[in-house]
Protein backbone atom coordinates (compact mmCIF):
# COMPACT_ATOMS: atom_id res chain seq x y z
CA UNK A 1 0.00 0.00 0.00
CA UNK A 2 1.41 3.43 -0.96
CA UNK A 3 1.95 6.34 1.32
CA UNK A 4 -0.37 9.30 1.13
CA UNK A 5 1.46 12.53 0.42
CA UNK A 6 0.76 15.37 2.76
CA UNK A 7 1.03 19.05 2.00
CA UNK A 8 2.30 21.33 4.73
CA UNK A 9 1.60 25.00 5.05
CA UNK A 10 4.18 27.29 6.62
CA UNK A 11 3.79 30.87 7.73
CA UNK A 12 7.20 32.39 8.39
CA UNK A 13 7.62 35.89 9.72
CA UNK A 14 11.00 37.57 9.97
CA UNK A 15 11.02 40.57 12.25
CA UNK A 16 13.67 43.18 11.51
CA UNK A 17 16.30 43.50 14.23
CA UNK A 18 16.31 46.39 16.64
CA UNK A 19 19.21 48.83 16.48
CA UNK A 20 20.77 47.19 19.56
CA UNK A 21 20.75 43.78 17.84
CA UNK A 22 21.69 44.99 14.35
CA UNK A 23 25.39 44.19 14.58
CA UNK A 24 24.79 40.63 15.82
CA UNK A 25 22.14 40.13 13.13
CA UNK A 26 24.48 41.34 10.38
CA UNK A 27 27.20 39.01 11.66
CA UNK A 28 24.85 36.00 11.55
CA UNK A 29 23.72 36.91 8.03
CA UNK A 30 27.34 37.23 6.91
CA UNK A 31 28.28 33.86 8.38
CA UNK A 32 25.30 32.18 6.71
CA UNK A 33 26.15 33.73 3.34
CA UNK A 34 29.81 32.72 3.69
CA UNK A 35 28.83 29.12 4.50
CA UNK A 36 26.60 28.91 1.44
CA UNK A 37 29.25 30.42 -0.83
CA UNK A 38 31.94 28.00 0.38
CA UNK A 39 29.63 25.06 -0.29
CA UNK A 40 28.82 26.00 -3.89
CA UNK A 41 31.81 27.99 -5.20
CA UNK A 42 35.51 27.30 -5.62
CA UNK A 43 38.06 29.51 -3.86
CA UNK A 44 38.87 31.27 -7.15
CA UNK A 45 35.18 31.99 -7.75
CA UNK A 46 34.82 33.37 -4.22
CA UNK A 47 37.81 35.67 -4.81
CA UNK A 48 36.24 36.91 -8.06
CA UNK A 49 32.95 37.47 -6.27
CA UNK A 50 34.64 39.50 -3.51
CA UNK A 51 36.55 41.63 -6.02
CA UNK A 52 33.38 42.32 -8.03
CA UNK A 53 31.58 43.28 -4.83
CA UNK A 54 34.39 45.65 -3.82
CA UNK A 55 34.36 47.34 -7.26
CA UNK A 56 30.60 47.73 -7.16
CA UNK A 57 30.45 49.06 -3.57
CA UNK A 58 33.36 51.47 -3.45
CA UNK A 59 33.00 54.10 -0.74
PDB file of N, CA and C in Angstrom:
ATOM      1  N   UNK A   1       0.841  -1.167   0.000  1.00  0.00           N
ATOM      2  CA  UNK A   1       0.000   0.000   0.000  1.00  0.00           C
ATOM      3  C   UNK A   1       0.895   1.242   0.000  1.00  0.00           C
ATOM      4  N   UNK A   2       0.596   2.221  -0.834  1.00  0.00           N
ATOM      5  CA  UNK A   2       1.407   3.428  -0.964  1.00  0.00           C
ATOM      6  C   UNK A   2       1.138   4.430   0.146  1.00  0.00           C
ATOM      7  N   UNK A   3       2.091   5.278   0.326  1.00  0.00           N
ATOM      8  CA  UNK A   3       1.947   6.344   1.317  1.00  0.00           C
ATOM      9  C   UNK A   3       1.143   7.494   0.741  1.00  0.00           C
ATOM     10  N   UNK A   4       0.359   8.114   1.573  1.00  0.00           N
ATOM     11  CA  UNK A   4      -0.365   9.298   1.134  1.00  0.00           C
ATOM     12  C   UNK A   4       0.543  10.499   1.322  1.00  0.00           C
ATOM     13  N   UNK A   5       0.627  11.331   0.280  1.00  0.00           N
ATOM     14  CA  UNK A   5       1.456  12.528   0.415  1.00  0.00           C
ATOM     15  C   UNK A   5       0.664  13.574   1.196  1.00  0.00           C
ATOM     16  N   UNK A   6       1.388  14.355   1.926  1.00  0.00           N
ATOM     17  CA  UNK A   6       0.763  15.366   2.761  1.00  0.00           C
ATOM     18  C   UNK A   6       1.375  16.718   2.437  1.00  0.00           C
ATOM     19  N   UNK A   7       0.548  17.706   2.257  1.00  0.00           N
ATOM     20  CA  UNK A   7       1.032  19.051   1.998  1.00  0.00           C
ATOM     21  C   UNK A   7       1.060  19.825   3.311  1.00  0.00           C
ATOM     22  N   UNK A   8       2.155  20.524   3.526  1.00  0.00           N
ATOM     23  CA  UNK A   8       2.302  21.325   4.727  1.00  0.00           C
ATOM     24  C   UNK A   8       2.207  22.795   4.354  1.00  0.00           C
ATOM     25  N   UNK A   9       1.683  23.564   5.261  1.00  0.00           N
ATOM     26  CA  UNK A   9       1.603  25.003   5.048  1.00  0.00           C
ATOM     27  C   UNK A   9       2.435  25.691   6.126  1.00  0.00           C
ATOM     28  N   UNK A  10       3.313  26.583   5.691  1.00  0.00           N
ATOM     29  CA  UNK A  10       4.183  27.287   6.621  1.00  0.00           C
ATOM     30  C   UNK A  10       3.927  28.783   6.532  1.00  0.00           C
ATOM     31  N   UNK A  11       3.855  29.414   7.658  1.00  0.00           N
ATOM     32  CA  UNK A  11       3.789  30.869   7.731  1.00  0.00           C
ATOM     33  C   UNK A  11       5.020  31.328   8.489  1.00  0.00           C
ATOM     34  N   UNK A  12       5.946  31.958   7.776  1.00  0.00           N
ATOM     35  CA  UNK A  12       7.202  32.389   8.385  1.00  0.00           C
ATOM     36  C   UNK A  12       7.238  33.904   8.406  1.00  0.00           C
ATOM     37  N   UNK A  13       7.514  34.443   9.569  1.00  0.00           N
ATOM     38  CA  UNK A  13       7.617  35.886   9.718  1.00  0.00           C
ATOM     39  C   UNK A  13       9.007  36.218  10.231  1.00  0.00           C
ATOM     40  N   UNK A  14       9.687  37.125   9.541  1.00  0.00           N
ATOM     41  CA  UNK A  14      11.001  37.567   9.967  1.00  0.00           C
ATOM     42  C   UNK A  14      10.864  39.011  10.435  1.00  0.00           C
ATOM     43  N   UNK A  15      11.086  39.229  11.708  1.00  0.00           N
ATOM     44  CA  UNK A  15      11.023  40.575  12.252  1.00  0.00           C
ATOM     45  C   UNK A  15      12.369  41.247  12.099  1.00  0.00           C
ATOM     46  N   UNK A  16      12.387  42.493  11.649  1.00  0.00           N
ATOM     47  CA  UNK A  16      13.673  43.184  11.509  1.00  0.00           C
ATOM     48  C   UNK A  16      14.314  43.391  12.879  1.00  0.00           C
ATOM     49  N   UNK A  17      15.628  43.351  12.932  1.00  0.00           N
ATOM     50  CA  UNK A  17      16.301  43.498  14.226  1.00  0.00           C
ATOM     51  C   UNK A  17      16.200  44.931  14.745  1.00  0.00           C
ATOM     52  N   UNK A  18      16.267  45.065  16.043  1.00  0.00           N
ATOM     53  CA  UNK A  18      16.313  46.392  16.636  1.00  0.00           C
ATOM     54  C   UNK A  18      17.720  46.943  16.446  1.00  0.00           C
ATOM     55  N   UNK A  19      17.896  48.212  16.655  1.00  0.00           N
ATOM     56  CA  UNK A  19      19.214  48.830  16.483  1.00  0.00           C
ATOM     57  C   UNK A  19      20.252  48.205  17.414  1.00  0.00           C
ATOM     58  N   UNK A  20      19.829  47.804  18.614  1.00  0.00           N
ATOM     59  CA  UNK A  20      20.772  47.187  19.561  1.00  0.00           C
ATOM     60  C   UNK A  20      21.255  45.825  19.054  1.00  0.00           C
ATOM     61  N   UNK A  21      20.416  45.129  18.314  1.00  0.00           N
ATOM     62  CA  UNK A  21      20.746  43.780  17.839  1.00  0.00           C
ATOM     63  C   UNK A  21      21.249  43.766  16.403  1.00  0.00           C
ATOM     64  N   UNK A  22      21.343  44.912  15.772  1.00  0.00           N
ATOM     65  CA  UNK A  22      21.686  44.988  14.353  1.00  0.00           C
ATOM     66  C   UNK A  22      23.057  44.393  14.039  1.00  0.00           C
ATOM     67  N   UNK A  23      24.045  44.693  14.847  1.00  0.00           N
ATOM     68  CA  UNK A  23      25.393  44.194  14.584  1.00  0.00           C
ATOM     69  C   UNK A  23      25.440  42.667  14.668  1.00  0.00           C
ATOM     70  N   UNK A  24      24.818  42.084  15.679  1.00  0.00           N
ATOM     71  CA  UNK A  24      24.789  40.627  15.818  1.00  0.00           C
ATOM     72  C   UNK A  24      24.019  39.993  14.658  1.00  0.00           C
ATOM     73  N   UNK A  25      22.934  40.629  14.251  1.00  0.00           N
ATOM     74  CA  UNK A  25      22.139  40.131  13.126  1.00  0.00           C
ATOM     75  C   UNK A  25      22.967  40.136  11.842  1.00  0.00           C
ATOM     76  N   UNK A  26      23.646  41.246  11.578  1.00  0.00           N
ATOM     77  CA  UNK A  26      24.479  41.344  10.376  1.00  0.00           C
ATOM     78  C   UNK A  26      25.589  40.300  10.385  1.00  0.00           C
ATOM     79  N   UNK A  27      26.147  40.032  11.545  1.00  0.00           N
ATOM     80  CA  UNK A  27      27.198  39.013  11.659  1.00  0.00           C
ATOM     81  C   UNK A  27      26.647  37.627  11.329  1.00  0.00           C
ATOM     82  N   UNK A  28      25.471  37.303  11.841  1.00  0.00           N
ATOM     83  CA  UNK A  28      24.846  35.998  11.549  1.00  0.00           C
ATOM     84  C   UNK A  28      24.529  35.866  10.060  1.00  0.00           C
ATOM     85  N   UNK A  29      24.029  36.940   9.457  1.00  0.00           N
ATOM     86  CA  UNK A  29      23.718  36.911   8.026  1.00  0.00           C
ATOM     87  C   UNK A  29      24.999  36.694   7.221  1.00  0.00           C
ATOM     88  N   UNK A  30      26.066  37.382   7.599  1.00  0.00           N
ATOM     89  CA  UNK A  30      27.342  37.231   6.909  1.00  0.00           C
ATOM     90  C   UNK A  30      27.892  35.820   7.015  1.00  0.00           C
ATOM     91  N   UNK A  31      27.793  35.236   8.197  1.00  0.00           N
ATOM     92  CA  UNK A  31      28.282  33.860   8.379  1.00  0.00           C
ATOM     93  C   UNK A  31      27.466  32.879   7.547  1.00  0.00           C
ATOM     94  N   UNK A  32      26.151  33.070   7.495  1.00  0.00           N
ATOM     95  CA  UNK A  32      25.296  32.177   6.706  1.00  0.00           C
ATOM     96  C   UNK A  32      25.626  32.299   5.218  1.00  0.00           C
ATOM     97  N   UNK A  33      25.813  33.529   4.756  1.00  0.00           N
ATOM     98  CA  UNK A  33      26.153  33.732   3.343  1.00  0.00           C
ATOM     99  C   UNK A  33      27.508  33.117   3.022  1.00  0.00           C
ATOM    100  N   UNK A  34      28.479  33.285   3.920  1.00  0.00           N
ATOM    101  CA  UNK A  34      29.812  32.717   3.692  1.00  0.00           C
ATOM    102  C   UNK A  34      29.748  31.195   3.636  1.00  0.00           C
ATOM    103  N   UNK A  35      28.956  30.588   4.494  1.00  0.00           N
ATOM    104  CA  UNK A  35      28.834  29.122   4.497  1.00  0.00           C
ATOM    105  C   UNK A  35      28.251  28.624   3.179  1.00  0.00           C
ATOM    106  N   UNK A  36      27.218  29.303   2.705  1.00  0.00           N
ATOM    107  CA  UNK A  36      26.599  28.906   1.440  1.00  0.00           C
ATOM    108  C   UNK A  36      27.578  29.061   0.285  1.00  0.00           C
ATOM    109  N   UNK A  37      28.296  30.189   0.260  1.00  0.00           N
ATOM    110  CA  UNK A  37      29.253  30.420  -0.826  1.00  0.00           C
ATOM    111  C   UNK A  37      30.354  29.371  -0.838  1.00  0.00           C
ATOM    112  N   UNK A  38      30.857  28.992   0.336  1.00  0.00           N
ATOM    113  CA  UNK A  38      31.940  28.002   0.382  1.00  0.00           C
ATOM    114  C   UNK A  38      31.463  26.618  -0.025  1.00  0.00           C
ATOM    115  N   UNK A  39      30.158  26.360   0.108  1.00  0.00           N
ATOM    116  CA  UNK A  39      29.629  25.059  -0.288  1.00  0.00           C
ATOM    117  C   UNK A  39      29.393  24.946  -1.787  1.00  0.00           C
ATOM    118  N   UNK A  40      29.178  26.089  -2.470  1.00  0.00           N
ATOM    119  CA  UNK A  40      28.822  25.996  -3.891  1.00  0.00           C
ATOM    120  C   UNK A  40      29.865  26.574  -4.840  1.00  0.00           C
ATOM    121  N   UNK A  41      30.818  27.365  -4.333  1.00  0.00           N
ATOM    122  CA  UNK A  41      31.812  27.987  -5.203  1.00  0.00           C
ATOM    123  C   UNK A  41      33.222  27.510  -4.864  1.00  0.00           C
ATOM    124  N   UNK A  42      34.097  27.593  -5.870  1.00  0.00           N
ATOM    125  CA  UNK A  42      35.510  27.297  -5.620  1.00  0.00           C
ATOM    126  C   UNK A  42      36.154  28.537  -4.990  1.00  0.00           C
ATOM    127  N   UNK A  43      37.357  28.386  -4.478  1.00  0.00           N
ATOM    128  CA  UNK A  43      38.057  29.506  -3.859  1.00  0.00           C
ATOM    129  C   UNK A  43      38.289  30.625  -4.878  1.00  0.00           C
ATOM    130  N   UNK A  44      38.655  30.256  -6.110  1.00  0.00           N
ATOM    131  CA  UNK A  44      38.865  31.269  -7.149  1.00  0.00           C
ATOM    132  C   UNK A  44      37.576  32.028  -7.459  1.00  0.00           C
ATOM    133  N   UNK A  45      36.456  31.329  -7.494  1.00  0.00           N
ATOM    134  CA  UNK A  45      35.177  31.986  -7.749  1.00  0.00           C
ATOM    135  C   UNK A  45      34.797  32.923  -6.605  1.00  0.00           C
ATOM    136  N   UNK A  46      35.095  32.521  -5.385  1.00  0.00           N
ATOM    137  CA  UNK A  46      34.817  33.368  -4.223  1.00  0.00           C
ATOM    138  C   UNK A  46      35.662  34.637  -4.294  1.00  0.00           C
ATOM    139  N   UNK A  47      36.944  34.497  -4.664  1.00  0.00           N
ATOM    140  CA  UNK A  47      37.812  35.669  -4.813  1.00  0.00           C
ATOM    141  C   UNK A  47      37.274  36.623  -5.878  1.00  0.00           C
ATOM    142  N   UNK A  48      36.817  36.079  -7.000  1.00  0.00           N
ATOM    143  CA  UNK A  48      36.243  36.908  -8.060  1.00  0.00           C
ATOM    144  C   UNK A  48      34.985  37.615  -7.567  1.00  0.00           C
ATOM    145  N   UNK A  49      34.181  36.907  -6.824  1.00  0.00           N
ATOM    146  CA  UNK A  49      32.948  37.470  -6.267  1.00  0.00           C
ATOM    147  C   UNK A  49      33.263  38.635  -5.323  1.00  0.00           C
ATOM    148  N   UNK A  50      34.255  38.451  -4.464  1.00  0.00           N
ATOM    149  CA  UNK A  50      34.638  39.501  -3.515  1.00  0.00           C
ATOM    150  C   UNK A  50      35.170  40.720  -4.254  1.00  0.00           C
ATOM    151  N   UNK A  51      36.015  40.510  -5.254  1.00  0.00           N
ATOM    152  CA  UNK A  51      36.554  41.632  -6.024  1.00  0.00           C
ATOM    153  C   UNK A  51      35.447  42.395  -6.754  1.00  0.00           C
ATOM    154  N   UNK A  52      34.501  41.668  -7.339  1.00  0.00           N
ATOM    155  CA  UNK A  52      33.383  42.324  -8.030  1.00  0.00           C
ATOM    156  C   UNK A  52      32.542  43.125  -7.027  1.00  0.00           C
ATOM    157  N   UNK A  53      32.340  42.578  -5.855  1.00  0.00           N
ATOM    158  CA  UNK A  53      31.580  43.276  -4.826  1.00  0.00           C
ATOM    159  C   UNK A  53      32.299  44.562  -4.405  1.00  0.00           C
ATOM    160  N   UNK A  54      33.614  44.477  -4.219  1.00  0.00           N
ATOM    161  CA  UNK A  54      34.388  45.653  -3.824  1.00  0.00           C
ATOM    162  C   UNK A  54      34.320  46.748  -4.894  1.00  0.00           C
ATOM    163  N   UNK A  55      34.440  46.362  -6.180  1.00  0.00           N
ATOM    164  CA  UNK A  55      34.358  47.340  -7.261  1.00  0.00           C
ATOM    165  C   UNK A  55      32.999  48.009  -7.305  1.00  0.00           C
ATOM    166  N   UNK A  56      31.961  47.220  -7.075  1.00  0.00           N
ATOM    167  CA  UNK A  56      30.597  47.732  -7.156  1.00  0.00           C
ATOM    168  C   UNK A  56      30.217  48.598  -5.951  1.00  0.00           C
ATOM    169  N   UNK A  57      30.828  48.343  -4.808  1.00  0.00           N
ATOM    170  CA  UNK A  57      30.446  49.056  -3.573  1.00  0.00           C
ATOM    171  C   UNK A  57      31.590  49.911  -3.024  1.00  0.00           C
ATOM    172  N   UNK A  58      32.291  50.578  -3.909  1.00  0.00           N
ATOM    173  CA  UNK A  58      33.360  51.474  -3.448  1.00  0.00           C
ATOM    174  C   UNK A  58      32.758  52.601  -2.638  1.00  0.00           C
ATOM    175  N   UNK A  59      33.476  52.990  -1.595  1.00  0.00           N
ATOM    176  CA  UNK A  59      32.999  54.098  -0.741  1.00  0.00           C
ATOM    177  C   UNK A  59      33.810  55.318  -0.956  1.00  0.00           C
TER     178      UNK A  59
END
